[in-house]
């Protein structure tokens, strides 16, 4: 890579949280703008500039694990047609090189599901992988197979994790997929996950679900060590009360923590969901007290009847400023409160 190209991309990498990058590759993509391709090709060595139908897969293959390599994704739509994008190399990162617009606006570098497979993107790594400034689009035509049920799956080891930063993870535009009980925008099966300045969901269609089904935005499995959500927004419009924002699948390992800061969970429909958080299998609980969900005063839920069942209200803690006092005295500043309002 030329010195000039390193100068041009340094700000992009720093904003994504990547310090001291190794080799940097570019997935220009056949659907990127011709001006972008022409300009950037001059600054990359031929073996680090990937411009083909499967450029993201080709670029990933060229990365070396463990040295902080980065694949930049050019603006435009990069269709994932050949199967799951399995991002399994430790300390390698995927960063959109297009315009960053913040939550709800949609980055201009887009990865889109264009086949019948699930998950759309998966990770299995002993290190940290950063995905930044990307539009991750699960959108398919109405004829799509209901086999496409998971958008982004994290299966990192006990020393690994994933950062999703400045991304938009779209929910399906196919009602049959969105209604399926197993549908998830994000699945955390192992390791740690940080979601920062992201939009999750955001499609305006009304979701429908069969009786008893629980489609959800996030699924946390028992090996999910921790989830932190910061400065983000979860948005959907669904009148079906069996939808959930988060589902805990079995009991996560003891010592797991789940921290939510300045994040809004919004169901913008005319009908409220029964609960915002539950476990899979229809059991409305978080699980044996092994975890706590801690929310700051700038986190709230809209369009739900309650956060969870009463038996688990003590496991979901809100900052005192988020809750009115139910007694005659004042709340003690600095003491976390549950939302029990019975």
C-alpha atoms as a PDB file:
ATOM      1  CA  UNK A   1       0.000   0.000   0.000  1.00  0.00           C
ATOM      2  CA  UNK A   2       1.257   3.466  -0.850  1.00  0.00           C
ATOM      3  CA  UNK A   3       1.983   6.094   1.784  1.00  0.00           C
ATOM      4  CA  UNK A   4      -0.654   8.299   0.159  1.00  0.00           C
ATOM      5  CA  UNK A   5      -3.412   5.712   0.577  1.00  0.00           C
ATOM      6  CA  UNK A   6      -2.512   5.225   4.249  1.00  0.00           C
ATOM      7  CA  UNK A   7      -2.906   8.960   4.800  1.00  0.00           C
ATOM      8  CA  UNK A   8      -6.301   8.944   3.100  1.00  0.00           C
ATOM      9  CA  UNK A   9      -7.779   6.116   5.168  1.00  0.00           C
ATOM     10  CA  UNK A  10      -6.227   6.807   8.585  1.00  0.00           C
ATOM     11  CA  UNK A  11      -9.170   8.926   9.779  1.00  0.00           C
ATOM     12  CA  UNK A  12     -11.626   6.229   8.691  1.00  0.00           C
ATOM     13  CA  UNK A  13      -9.828   3.573  10.702  1.00  0.00           C
ATOM     14  CA  UNK A  14      -9.453   5.733  13.798  1.00  0.00           C
ATOM     15  CA  UNK A  15     -13.172   6.583  13.763  1.00  0.00           C
ATOM     16  CA  UNK A  16     -13.890   2.849  13.628  1.00  0.00           C
ATOM     17  CA  UNK A  17     -11.701   2.310  16.694  1.00  0.00           C
ATOM     18  CA  UNK A  18      -8.826   0.578  14.896  1.00  0.00           C
ATOM     19  CA  UNK A  19      -5.442   1.776  16.105  1.00  0.00           C
ATOM     20  CA  UNK A  20      -2.278   0.534  14.417  1.00  0.00           C
ATOM     21  CA  UNK A  21      -3.826  -1.306  11.468  1.00  0.00           C
ATOM     22  CA  UNK A  22      -1.872  -4.001   9.680  1.00  0.00           C
ATOM     23  CA  UNK A  23      -2.471  -4.525   5.980  1.00  0.00           C
ATOM     24  CA  UNK A  24      -5.437  -2.635   4.532  1.00  0.00           C
ATOM     25  CA  UNK A  25      -7.412  -4.059   1.600  1.00  0.00           C
ATOM     26  CA  UNK A  26     -10.257  -2.539  -0.418  1.00  0.00           C
ATOM     27  CA  UNK A  27     -13.425  -4.287  -1.607  1.00  0.00           C
ATOM     28  CA  UNK A  28     -14.497  -1.877  -4.343  1.00  0.00           C
ATOM     29  CA  UNK A  29     -17.363  -3.968  -5.636  1.00  0.00           C
ATOM     30  CA  UNK A  30     -18.917  -4.181  -9.054  1.00  0.00           C
ATOM     31  CA  UNK A  31     -21.813  -2.046  -7.839  1.00  0.00           C
ATOM     32  CA  UNK A  32     -19.697   0.751  -6.377  1.00  0.00           C
ATOM     33  CA  UNK A  33     -19.556   4.042  -8.241  1.00  0.00           C
ATOM     34  CA  UNK A  34     -17.074   4.107 -11.121  1.00  0.00           C
ATOM     35  CA  UNK A  35     -15.513   7.311  -9.793  1.00  0.00           C
ATOM     36  CA  UNK A  36     -14.775   5.615  -6.496  1.00  0.00           C
ATOM     37  CA  UNK A  37     -13.207   2.604  -8.202  1.00  0.00           C
ATOM     38  CA  UNK A  38     -11.047   4.697 -10.514  1.00  0.00           C
ATOM     39  CA  UNK A  39      -9.736   6.954  -7.753  1.00  0.00           C
ATOM     40  CA  UNK A  40      -8.983   4.359  -5.109  1.00  0.00           C
ATOM     41  CA  UNK A  41      -7.442   1.790  -7.437  1.00  0.00           C
ATOM     42  CA  UNK A  42      -4.529   4.184  -7.953  1.00  0.00           C
ATOM     43  CA  UNK A  43      -3.676   4.042  -4.250  1.00  0.00           C
ATOM     44  CA  UNK A  44      -3.799   0.277  -3.641  1.00  0.00           C
ATOM     45  CA  UNK A  45      -1.456  -2.464  -4.777  1.00  0.00           C
ATOM     46  CA  UNK A  46      -3.220  -4.785  -7.213  1.00  0.00           C
ATOM     47  CA  UNK A  47      -3.308  -7.678  -4.737  1.00  0.00           C
ATOM     48  CA  UNK A  48      -5.058  -5.491  -2.150  1.00  0.00           C
ATOM     49  CA  UNK A  49      -7.733  -4.003  -4.414  1.00  0.00           C
ATOM     50  CA  UNK A  50     -10.645  -6.410  -4.892  1.00  0.00           C
ATOM     51  CA  UNK A  51     -13.243  -5.561  -7.507  1.00  0.00           C
ATOM     52  CA  UNK A  52     -15.474  -8.503  -8.344  1.00  0.00           C
ATOM     53  CA  UNK A  53     -18.898  -9.936  -7.652  1.00  0.00           C
ATOM     54  CA  UNK A  54     -17.647 -11.624  -4.456  1.00  0.00           C
ATOM     55  CA  UNK A  55     -15.168  -8.924  -3.525  1.00  0.00           C
ATOM     56  CA  UNK A  56     -15.907  -9.037   0.220  1.00  0.00           C
ATOM     57  CA  UNK A  57     -15.257 -12.789   0.332  1.00  0.00           C
ATOM     58  CA  UNK A  58     -12.099 -12.376  -1.768  1.00  0.00           C
ATOM     59  CA  UNK A  59     -10.872  -9.563   0.436  1.00  0.00           C
ATOM     60  CA  UNK A  60     -11.503 -11.555   3.610  1.00  0.00           C
ATOM     61  CA  UNK A  61      -9.483 -14.484   2.244  1.00  0.00           C
ATOM     62  CA  UNK A  62      -6.520 -12.156   1.707  1.00  0.00           C
ATOM     63  CA  UNK A  63      -6.468 -10.934   5.329  1.00  0.00           C
ATOM     64  CA  UNK A  64      -4.049 -12.384   7.893  1.00  0.00           C
ATOM     65  CA  UNK A  65      -5.316 -13.190  11.375  1.00  0.00           C
ATOM     66  CA  UNK A  66      -3.752 -11.607  14.406  1.00  0.00           C
ATOM     67  CA  UNK A  67      -2.192  -8.513  12.841  1.00  0.00           C
ATOM     68  CA  UNK A  68      -5.111  -6.039  12.791  1.00  0.00           C
ATOM     69  CA  UNK A  69      -5.760  -6.307   9.054  1.00  0.00           C
ATOM     70  CA  UNK A  70      -8.681  -4.293   7.665  1.00  0.00           C
ATOM     71  CA  UNK A  71     -10.973  -4.743   4.683  1.00  0.00           C
ATOM     72  CA  UNK A  72     -12.492  -1.434   3.577  1.00  0.00           C
ATOM     73  CA  UNK A  73     -15.850  -1.741   1.805  1.00  0.00           C
ATOM     74  CA  UNK A  74     -16.576   0.759  -0.945  1.00  0.00           C
ATOM     75  CA  UNK A  75     -19.909   2.577  -1.228  1.00  0.00           C
ATOM     76  CA  UNK A  76     -22.718   0.763  -2.985  1.00  0.00           C
ATOM     77  CA  UNK A  77     -24.405  -2.607  -2.518  1.00  0.00           C
ATOM     78  CA  UNK A  78     -22.278  -5.704  -2.041  1.00  0.00           C
ATOM     79  CA  UNK A  79     -24.566  -8.714  -2.511  1.00  0.00           C
ATOM     80  CA  UNK A  80     -23.762 -11.823  -0.472  1.00  0.00           C
ATOM     81  CA  UNK A  81     -24.747 -14.588  -2.872  1.00  0.00           C
ATOM     82  CA  UNK A  82     -22.434 -17.540  -2.246  1.00  0.00           C
ATOM     83  CA  UNK A  83     -23.317 -18.272   1.377  1.00  0.00           C
ATOM     84  CA  UNK A  84     -22.672 -16.988   4.888  1.00  0.00           C
ATOM     85  CA  UNK A  85     -19.898 -14.440   5.257  1.00  0.00           C
ATOM     86  CA  UNK A  86     -17.962 -16.354   7.935  1.00  0.00           C
ATOM     87  CA  UNK A  87     -15.608 -13.838   9.549  1.00  0.00           C
ATOM     88  CA  UNK A  88     -13.479 -16.166  11.674  1.00  0.00           C
ATOM     89  CA  UNK A  89      -9.994 -14.609  11.740  1.00  0.00           C
ATOM     90  CA  UNK A  90      -8.989 -12.976  15.026  1.00  0.00           C
ATOM     91  CA  UNK A  91      -8.111  -9.267  14.958  1.00  0.00           C
ATOM     92  CA  UNK A  92      -9.414  -8.626  11.438  1.00  0.00           C
ATOM     93  CA  UNK A  93     -11.970  -5.920  10.731  1.00  0.00           C
ATOM     94  CA  UNK A  94     -14.595  -4.867   8.174  1.00  0.00           C
ATOM     95  CA  UNK A  95     -15.129  -1.106   7.726  1.00  0.00           C
ATOM     96  CA  UNK A  96     -17.352   0.800   5.324  1.00  0.00           C
ATOM     97  CA  UNK A  97     -15.451   3.439   3.342  1.00  0.00           C
ATOM     98  CA  UNK A  98     -18.584   5.334   2.345  1.00  0.00           C
ATOM     99  CA  UNK A  99     -20.358   8.169   4.124  1.00  0.00           C
ATOM    100  CA  UNK A 100     -21.097   7.659   7.838  1.00  0.00           C
ATOM    101  CA  UNK A 101     -24.524   9.077   8.676  1.00  0.00           C
ATOM    102  CA  UNK A 102     -25.257   7.949  12.198  1.00  0.00           C
ATOM    103  CA  UNK A 103     -28.138   5.846  13.592  1.00  0.00           C
ATOM    104  CA  UNK A 104     -31.192   5.761  11.378  1.00  0.00           C
ATOM    105  CA  UNK A 105     -29.533   7.330   8.344  1.00  0.00           C
ATOM    106  CA  UNK A 106     -27.785   4.324   6.828  1.00  0.00           C
ATOM    107  CA  UNK A 107     -24.117   4.147   5.798  1.00  0.00           C
ATOM    108  CA  UNK A 108     -23.489   4.117   2.054  1.00  0.00           C
ATOM    109  CA  UNK A 109     -21.441   0.898   2.161  1.00  0.00           C
ATOM    110  CA  UNK A 110     -24.011  -1.912   2.196  1.00  0.00           C
ATOM    111  CA  UNK A 111     -23.876  -5.691   2.585  1.00  0.00           C
ATOM    112  CA  UNK A 112     -27.096  -7.330   1.408  1.00  0.00           C
ATOM    113  CA  UNK A 113     -28.457 -10.845   1.682  1.00  0.00           C
ATOM    114  CA  UNK A 114     -28.882 -12.194  -1.862  1.00  0.00           C
ATOM    115  CA  UNK A 115     -29.331 -15.927  -1.332  1.00  0.00           C
ATOM    116  CA  UNK A 116     -31.149 -18.534   0.731  1.00  0.00           C
ATOM    117  CA  UNK A 117     -28.851 -19.189   3.680  1.00  0.00           C
ATOM    118  CA  UNK A 118     -28.524 -18.303   7.348  1.00  0.00           C
ATOM    119  CA  UNK A 119     -26.893 -16.586   9.107  1.00  0.00           C
ATOM    120  CA  UNK A 120     -26.102 -13.751   6.737  1.00  0.00           C
ATOM    121  CA  UNK A 121     -22.871 -12.918   8.633  1.00  0.00           C
ATOM    122  CA  UNK A 122     -21.208 -15.009  11.348  1.00  0.00           C
ATOM    123  CA  UNK A 123     -18.109 -14.639  13.516  1.00  0.00           C
ATOM    124  CA  UNK A 124     -16.110 -17.299  15.354  1.00  0.00           C
ATOM    125  CA  UNK A 125     -12.897 -15.878  16.740  1.00  0.00           C
ATOM    126  CA  UNK A 126     -10.629 -15.871  19.781  1.00  0.00           C
ATOM    127  CA  UNK A 127      -9.889 -12.170  19.255  1.00  0.00           C
ATOM    128  CA  UNK A 128     -11.815  -8.962  18.679  1.00  0.00           C
ATOM    129  CA  UNK A 129     -13.451  -8.195  15.329  1.00  0.00           C
ATOM    130  CA  UNK A 130     -14.756  -4.712  14.486  1.00  0.00           C
ATOM    131  CA  UNK A 131     -17.575  -4.094  12.012  1.00  0.00           C
ATOM    132  CA  UNK A 132     -18.043  -0.364  11.454  1.00  0.00           C
ATOM    133  CA  UNK A 133     -19.919   2.071   9.226  1.00  0.00           C
ATOM    134  CA  UNK A 134     -21.867  -0.632   7.398  1.00  0.00           C
ATOM    135  CA  UNK A 135     -25.469  -1.058   6.299  1.00  0.00           C
ATOM    136  CA  UNK A 136     -26.174  -4.753   6.950  1.00  0.00           C
ATOM    137  CA  UNK A 137     -29.358  -5.375   5.003  1.00  0.00           C
ATOM    138  CA  UNK A 138     -31.367  -8.557   5.497  1.00  0.00           C
ATOM    139  CA  UNK A 139     -33.877  -7.346   2.908  1.00  0.00           C
ATOM    140  CA  UNK A 140     -35.243  -9.903   0.466  1.00  0.00           C
ATOM    141  CA  UNK A 141     -38.156 -10.051  -1.933  1.00  0.00           C
ATOM    142  CA  UNK A 142     -41.468 -11.456  -0.734  1.00  0.00           C
ATOM    143  CA  UNK A 143     -40.581 -14.780  -2.371  1.00  0.00           C
ATOM    144  CA  UNK A 144     -37.589 -15.272  -0.058  1.00  0.00           C
ATOM    145  CA  UNK A 145     -37.169 -18.554   1.741  1.00  0.00           C
ATOM    146  CA  UNK A 146     -38.011 -18.544   5.426  1.00  0.00           C
ATOM    147  CA  UNK A 147     -34.659 -20.290   5.939  1.00  0.00           C
ATOM    148  CA  UNK A 148     -33.114 -16.814   6.105  1.00  0.00           C
ATOM    149  CA  UNK A 149     -33.634 -16.238   9.794  1.00  0.00           C
ATOM    150  CA  UNK A 150     -30.488 -14.652  11.269  1.00  0.00           C
ATOM    151  CA  UNK A 151     -28.787 -11.473  10.129  1.00  0.00           C
ATOM    152  CA  UNK A 152     -25.641 -11.266  12.328  1.00  0.00           C
ATOM    153  CA  UNK A 153     -24.382 -14.100  14.553  1.00  0.00           C
ATOM    154  CA  UNK A 154     -21.591 -13.775  17.137  1.00  0.00           C
ATOM    155  CA  UNK A 155     -20.056 -17.079  18.270  1.00  0.00           C
ATOM    156  CA  UNK A 156     -16.703 -15.880  19.605  1.00  0.00           C
ATOM    157  CA  UNK A 157     -14.685 -17.794  22.183  1.00  0.00           C
ATOM    158  CA  UNK A 158     -14.226 -16.838  25.820  1.00  0.00           C
ATOM    159  CA  UNK A 159     -11.412 -14.436  24.902  1.00  0.00           C
ATOM    160  CA  UNK A 160     -13.116 -12.987  21.837  1.00  0.00           C
ATOM    161  CA  UNK A 161     -15.806 -10.555  20.910  1.00  0.00           C
ATOM    162  CA  UNK A 162     -17.343  -8.298  18.316  1.00  0.00           C
ATOM    163  CA  UNK A 163     -17.805  -4.546  18.061  1.00  0.00           C
ATOM    164  CA  UNK A 164     -20.681  -3.242  15.925  1.00  0.00           C
ATOM    165  CA  UNK A 165     -20.105   0.492  15.563  1.00  0.00           C
ATOM    166  CA  UNK A 166     -21.998   3.065  13.445  1.00  0.00           C
ATOM    167  CA  UNK A 167     -23.904   0.284  11.684  1.00  0.00           C
ATOM    168  CA  UNK A 168     -27.505  -0.164  10.610  1.00  0.00           C
ATOM    169  CA  UNK A 169     -28.671  -3.773  10.962  1.00  0.00           C
ATOM    170  CA  UNK A 170     -31.937  -3.820   9.068  1.00  0.00           C
ATOM    171  CA  UNK A 171     -34.831  -6.092   9.873  1.00  0.00           C
ATOM    172  CA  UNK A 172     -36.434  -8.059   6.999  1.00  0.00           C
ATOM    173  CA  UNK A 173     -38.774  -6.522   4.486  1.00  0.00           C
ATOM    174  CA  UNK A 174     -40.299  -9.984   3.997  1.00  0.00           C
ATOM    175  CA  UNK A 175     -43.191 -10.472   6.409  1.00  0.00           C
ATOM    176  CA  UNK A 176     -42.882 -14.281   6.316  1.00  0.00           C
ATOM    177  CA  UNK A 177     -39.270 -14.078   7.560  1.00  0.00           C
ATOM    178  CA  UNK A 178     -40.006 -11.410  10.149  1.00  0.00           C
ATOM    179  CA  UNK A 179     -42.863 -13.518  11.483  1.00  0.00           C
ATOM    180  CA  UNK A 180     -40.834 -16.700  11.901  1.00  0.00           C
ATOM    181  CA  UNK A 181     -40.266 -17.687  15.520  1.00  0.00           C
ATOM    182  CA  UNK A 182     -36.505 -18.141  14.970  1.00  0.00           C
ATOM    183  CA  UNK A 183     -35.906 -14.759  13.328  1.00  0.00           C
ATOM    184  CA  UNK A 184     -33.217 -12.635  14.990  1.00  0.00           C
ATOM    185  CA  UNK A 185     -31.425  -9.484  13.854  1.00  0.00           C
ATOM    186  CA  UNK A 186     -28.492 -10.377  16.140  1.00  0.00           C
ATOM    187  CA  UNK A 187     -27.582 -13.649  17.897  1.00  0.00           C
ATOM    188  CA  UNK A 188     -24.954 -13.675  20.661  1.00  0.00           C
ATOM    189  CA  UNK A 189     -23.813 -17.280  21.120  1.00  0.00           C
ATOM    190  CA  UNK A 190     -20.379 -16.668  22.625  1.00  0.00           C
ATOM    191  CA  UNK A 191     -17.935 -14.008  23.718  1.00  0.00           C
ATOM    192  CA  UNK A 192     -18.649 -10.315  24.189  1.00  0.00           C
ATOM    193  CA  UNK A 193     -20.651  -7.935  22.015  1.00  0.00           C
ATOM    194  CA  UNK A 194     -20.544  -4.125  21.967  1.00  0.00           C
ATOM    195  CA  UNK A 195     -23.212  -2.310  19.956  1.00  0.00           C
ATOM    196  CA  UNK A 196     -22.351   1.383  19.696  1.00  0.00           C
ATOM    197  CA  UNK A 197     -24.138   4.163  17.777  1.00  0.00           C
ATOM    198  CA  UNK A 198     -26.185   1.636  15.803  1.00  0.00           C
ATOM    199  CA  UNK A 199     -29.698   1.351  14.443  1.00  0.00           C
ATOM    200  CA  UNK A 200     -31.279  -2.102  14.650  1.00  0.00           C
ATOM    201  CA  UNK A 201     -34.502  -2.780  12.765  1.00  0.00           C
ATOM    202  CA  UNK A 202     -35.930   0.329  11.205  1.00  0.00           C
ATOM    203  CA  UNK A 203     -38.241  -1.136   8.581  1.00  0.00           C
ATOM    204  CA  UNK A 204     -41.722   0.311   8.632  1.00  0.00           C
ATOM    205  CA  UNK A 205     -43.700  -2.805   7.710  1.00  0.00           C
ATOM    206  CA  UNK A 206     -46.002  -4.374  10.259  1.00  0.00           C
ATOM    207  CA  UNK A 207     -44.648  -7.690  11.485  1.00  0.00           C
ATOM    208  CA  UNK A 208     -47.031 -10.602  11.967  1.00  0.00           C
ATOM    209  CA  UNK A 209     -46.388 -13.780  13.900  1.00  0.00           C
ATOM    210  CA  UNK A 210     -48.159 -17.102  14.460  1.00  0.00           C
ATOM    211  CA  UNK A 211     -49.590 -17.769  17.886  1.00  0.00           C
ATOM    212  CA  UNK A 212     -46.851 -18.426  20.429  1.00  0.00           C
ATOM    213  CA  UNK A 213     -43.973 -17.362  18.150  1.00  0.00           C
ATOM    214  CA  UNK A 214     -41.392 -14.940  19.536  1.00  0.00           C
ATOM    215  CA  UNK A 215     -39.370 -13.177  16.824  1.00  0.00           C
ATOM    216  CA  UNK A 216     -36.803 -10.879  18.429  1.00  0.00           C
ATOM    217  CA  UNK A 217     -34.085  -8.362  17.687  1.00  0.00           C
ATOM    218  CA  UNK A 218     -31.404  -9.923  19.918  1.00  0.00           C
ATOM    219  CA  UNK A 219     -30.996 -13.504  21.115  1.00  0.00           C
ATOM    220  CA  UNK A 220     -28.473 -14.144  23.923  1.00  0.00           C
ATOM    221  CA  UNK A 221     -27.383 -17.768  24.316  1.00  0.00           C
ATOM    222  CA  UNK A 222     -25.944 -19.277  27.496  1.00  0.00           C
ATOM    223  CA  UNK A 223     -22.353 -18.763  26.304  1.00  0.00           C
ATOM    224  CA  UNK A 224     -22.861 -15.077  25.641  1.00  0.00           C
ATOM    225  CA  UNK A 225     -20.510 -13.524  28.175  1.00  0.00           C
ATOM    226  CA  UNK A 226     -21.712  -9.949  27.977  1.00  0.00           C
ATOM    227  CA  UNK A 227     -23.606  -7.389  25.935  1.00  0.00           C
ATOM    228  CA  UNK A 228     -23.139  -3.622  26.046  1.00  0.00           C
ATOM    229  CA  UNK A 229     -25.399  -1.319  24.024  1.00  0.00           C
ATOM    230  CA  UNK A 230     -24.489   2.377  23.838  1.00  0.00           C
ATOM    231  CA  UNK A 231     -26.098   5.357  22.048  1.00  0.00           C
ATOM    232  CA  UNK A 232     -28.266   3.170  19.830  1.00  0.00           C
ATOM    233  CA  UNK A 233     -31.851   2.771  18.690  1.00  0.00           C
ATOM    234  CA  UNK A 234     -34.039  -0.277  18.113  1.00  0.00           C
ATOM    235  CA  UNK A 235     -37.037   0.549  15.962  1.00  0.00           C
ATOM    236  CA  UNK A 236     -39.932  -1.497  14.611  1.00  0.00           C
ATOM    237  CA  UNK A 237     -43.647  -1.229  13.966  1.00  0.00           C
ATOM    238  CA  UNK A 238     -45.482  -4.350  15.115  1.00  0.00           C
ATOM    239  CA  UNK A 239     -48.936  -4.854  16.587  1.00  0.00           C
ATOM    240  CA  UNK A 240     -48.222  -8.503  17.486  1.00  0.00           C
ATOM    241  CA  UNK A 241     -47.682  -8.729  21.231  1.00  0.00           C
ATOM    242  CA  UNK A 242     -45.424 -11.823  21.037  1.00  0.00           C
ATOM    243  CA  UNK A 243     -42.512  -9.896  19.518  1.00  0.00           C
ATOM    244  CA  UNK A 244     -39.581  -9.073  21.813  1.00  0.00           C
ATOM    245  CA  UNK A 245     -36.575  -6.792  21.790  1.00  0.00           C
ATOM    246  CA  UNK A 246     -34.355  -9.301  23.633  1.00  0.00           C
ATOM    247  CA  UNK A 247     -34.642 -13.008  24.344  1.00  0.00           C
ATOM    248  CA  UNK A 248     -32.294 -14.830  26.725  1.00  0.00           C
ATOM    249  CA  UNK A 249     -31.889 -18.440  25.599  1.00  0.00           C
ATOM    250  CA  UNK A 250     -31.325 -20.579  28.682  1.00  0.00           C
ATOM    251  CA  UNK A 251     -29.288 -19.128  31.539  1.00  0.00           C
ATOM    252  CA  UNK A 252     -26.106 -17.324  30.505  1.00  0.00           C
ATOM    253  CA  UNK A 253     -22.968 -18.170  32.411  1.00  0.00           C
ATOM    254  CA  UNK A 254     -22.684 -16.754  35.900  1.00  0.00           C
ATOM    255  CA  UNK A 255     -20.926 -13.399  35.926  1.00  0.00           C
ATOM    256  CA  UNK A 256     -22.411 -12.288  32.618  1.00  0.00           C
ATOM    257  CA  UNK A 257     -23.393  -8.641  32.481  1.00  0.00           C
ATOM    258  CA  UNK A 258     -25.640  -6.673  30.170  1.00  0.00           C
ATOM    259  CA  UNK A 259     -25.319  -2.907  30.205  1.00  0.00           C
ATOM    260  CA  UNK A 260     -27.522  -0.514  28.230  1.00  0.00           C
ATOM    261  CA  UNK A 261     -26.755   3.205  27.957  1.00  0.00           C
ATOM    262  CA  UNK A 262     -28.646   5.986  26.168  1.00  0.00           C
ATOM    263  CA  UNK A 263     -30.600   3.560  24.000  1.00  0.00           C
ATOM    264  CA  UNK A 264     -34.227   3.629  22.897  1.00  0.00           C
ATOM    265  CA  UNK A 265     -36.282   0.505  22.189  1.00  0.00           C
ATOM    266  CA  UNK A 266     -39.275   1.696  20.165  1.00  0.00           C
ATOM    267  CA  UNK A 267     -42.254  -0.231  18.875  1.00  0.00           C
ATOM    268  CA  UNK A 268     -43.948   2.528  16.906  1.00  0.00           C
ATOM    269  CA  UNK A 269     -47.239   0.756  16.280  1.00  0.00           C
ATOM    270  CA  UNK A 270     -50.738   1.153  17.642  1.00  0.00           C
ATOM    271  CA  UNK A 271     -50.506  -2.105  19.615  1.00  0.00           C
ATOM    272  CA  UNK A 272     -48.165  -2.797  22.525  1.00  0.00           C
ATOM    273  CA  UNK A 273     -46.031  -5.901  22.979  1.00  0.00           C
ATOM    274  CA  UNK A 274     -46.659  -7.919  26.124  1.00  0.00           C
ATOM    275  CA  UNK A 275     -43.001  -7.776  27.248  1.00  0.00           C
ATOM    276  CA  UNK A 276     -39.751  -6.266  25.991  1.00  0.00           C
ATOM    277  CA  UNK A 277     -37.469  -8.992  27.408  1.00  0.00           C
ATOM    278  CA  UNK A 278     -37.963 -12.720  28.045  1.00  0.00           C
ATOM    279  CA  UNK A 279     -36.341 -16.135  27.599  1.00  0.00           C
ATOM    280  CA  UNK A 280     -36.962 -18.506  24.726  1.00  0.00           C
ATOM    281  CA  UNK A 281     -39.498 -21.296  24.883  1.00  0.00           C
ATOM    282  CA  UNK A 282     -42.217 -19.019  26.180  1.00  0.00           C
ATOM    283  CA  UNK A 283     -40.833 -18.777  29.720  1.00  0.00           C
ATOM    284  CA  UNK A 284     -40.934 -15.105  30.622  1.00  0.00           C
ATOM    285  CA  UNK A 285     -37.883 -14.944  32.817  1.00  0.00           C
ATOM    286  CA  UNK A 286     -34.267 -13.928  32.576  1.00  0.00           C
ATOM    287  CA  UNK A 287     -32.740 -16.943  34.251  1.00  0.00           C
ATOM    288  CA  UNK A 288     -31.793 -17.953  37.778  1.00  0.00           C
ATOM    289  CA  UNK A 289     -30.335 -14.600  38.785  1.00  0.00           C
ATOM    290  CA  UNK A 290     -27.064 -15.275  36.929  1.00  0.00           C
ATOM    291  CA  UNK A 291     -27.254 -11.941  35.124  1.00  0.00           C
ATOM    292  CA  UNK A 292     -28.524  -8.438  35.524  1.00  0.00           C
ATOM    293  CA  UNK A 293     -29.616  -6.016  32.842  1.00  0.00           C
ATOM    294  CA  UNK A 294     -28.499  -2.536  33.939  1.00  0.00           C
ATOM    295  CA  UNK A 295     -30.025   0.494  32.190  1.00  0.00           C
ATOM    296  CA  UNK A 296     -29.052   4.140  32.621  1.00  0.00           C
ATOM    297  CA  UNK A 297     -31.515   7.016  32.928  1.00  0.00           C
ATOM    298  CA  UNK A 298     -31.453   7.683  29.171  1.00  0.00           C
ATOM    299  CA  UNK A 299     -32.644   4.184  28.251  1.00  0.00           C
ATOM    300  CA  UNK A 300     -36.344   3.546  27.765  1.00  0.00           C
ATOM    301  CA  UNK A 301     -38.873   1.275  26.071  1.00  0.00           C
ATOM    302  CA  UNK A 302     -41.844   2.410  23.988  1.00  0.00           C
ATOM    303  CA  UNK A 303     -44.767   0.310  22.772  1.00  0.00           C
ATOM    304  CA  UNK A 304     -44.527  -2.458  25.381  1.00  0.00           C
ATOM    305  CA  UNK A 305     -46.924  -3.230  28.237  1.00  0.00           C
ATOM    306  CA  UNK A 306     -44.100  -4.134  30.616  1.00  0.00           C
ATOM    307  CA  UNK A 307     -40.345  -4.782  30.584  1.00  0.00           C
ATOM    308  CA  UNK A 308     -40.650  -8.381  31.835  1.00  0.00           C
ATOM    309  CA  UNK A 309     -42.772 -10.493  34.141  1.00  0.00           C
ATOM    310  CA  UNK A 310     -43.017  -9.334  37.754  1.00  0.00           C
ATOM    311  CA  UNK A 311     -40.924 -12.216  39.066  1.00  0.00           C
ATOM    312  CA  UNK A 312     -37.869 -10.887  37.231  1.00  0.00           C
ATOM    313  CA  UNK A 313     -38.255  -7.162  37.710  1.00  0.00           C
ATOM    314  CA  UNK A 314     -35.464  -7.234  40.275  1.00  0.00           C
ATOM    315  CA  UNK A 315     -33.004  -8.387  37.591  1.00  0.00           C
ATOM    316  CA  UNK A 316     -33.538  -5.309  35.406  1.00  0.00           C
ATOM    317  CA  UNK A 317     -32.130  -2.208  37.060  1.00  0.00           C
ATOM    318  CA  UNK A 318     -32.691   1.410  36.050  1.00  0.00           C
ATOM    319  CA  UNK A 319     -30.913   4.536  37.199  1.00  0.00           C
ATOM    320  CA  UNK A 320     -32.889   6.421  39.886  1.00  0.00           C
ATOM    321  CA  UNK A 321     -33.525   9.393  37.591  1.00  0.00           C
ATOM    322  CA  UNK A 322     -35.492   7.130  35.258  1.00  0.00           C
ATOM    323  CA  UNK A 323     -38.100   6.196  37.868  1.00  0.00           C
ATOM    324  CA  UNK A 324     -40.678   8.093  39.897  1.00  0.00           C
ATOM    325  CA  UNK A 325     -40.816   7.400  43.598  1.00  0.00           C
ATOM    326  CA  UNK A 326     -43.645   5.087  44.653  1.00  0.00           C
ATOM    327  CA  UNK A 327     -43.438   6.075  48.300  1.00  0.00           C
ATOM    328  CA  UNK A 328     -43.624   9.251  50.327  1.00  0.00           C
ATOM    329  CA  UNK A 329     -39.850   9.690  50.557  1.00  0.00           C
ATOM    330  CA  UNK A 330     -37.283  10.680  47.969  1.00  0.00           C
ATOM    331  CA  UNK A 331     -35.284   8.184  45.957  1.00  0.00           C
ATOM    332  CA  UNK A 332     -31.696   7.884  47.126  1.00  0.00           C
ATOM    333  CA  UNK A 333     -29.423   9.420  44.517  1.00  0.00           C
ATOM    334  CA  UNK A 334     -26.944   6.895  43.163  1.00  0.00           C
ATOM    335  CA  UNK A 335     -28.873   3.812  44.263  1.00  0.00           C
ATOM    336  CA  UNK A 336     -30.049   1.734  41.334  1.00  0.00           C
ATOM    337  CA  UNK A 337     -33.766   0.933  41.273  1.00  0.00           C
ATOM    338  CA  UNK A 338     -35.871  -1.823  39.797  1.00  0.00           C
ATOM    339  CA  UNK A 339     -39.048  -0.890  37.986  1.00  0.00           C
ATOM    340  CA  UNK A 340     -41.486  -2.758  40.234  1.00  0.00           C
ATOM    341  CA  UNK A 341     -44.673  -0.710  40.186  1.00  0.00           C
ATOM    342  CA  UNK A 342     -47.086  -3.130  41.863  1.00  0.00           C
END
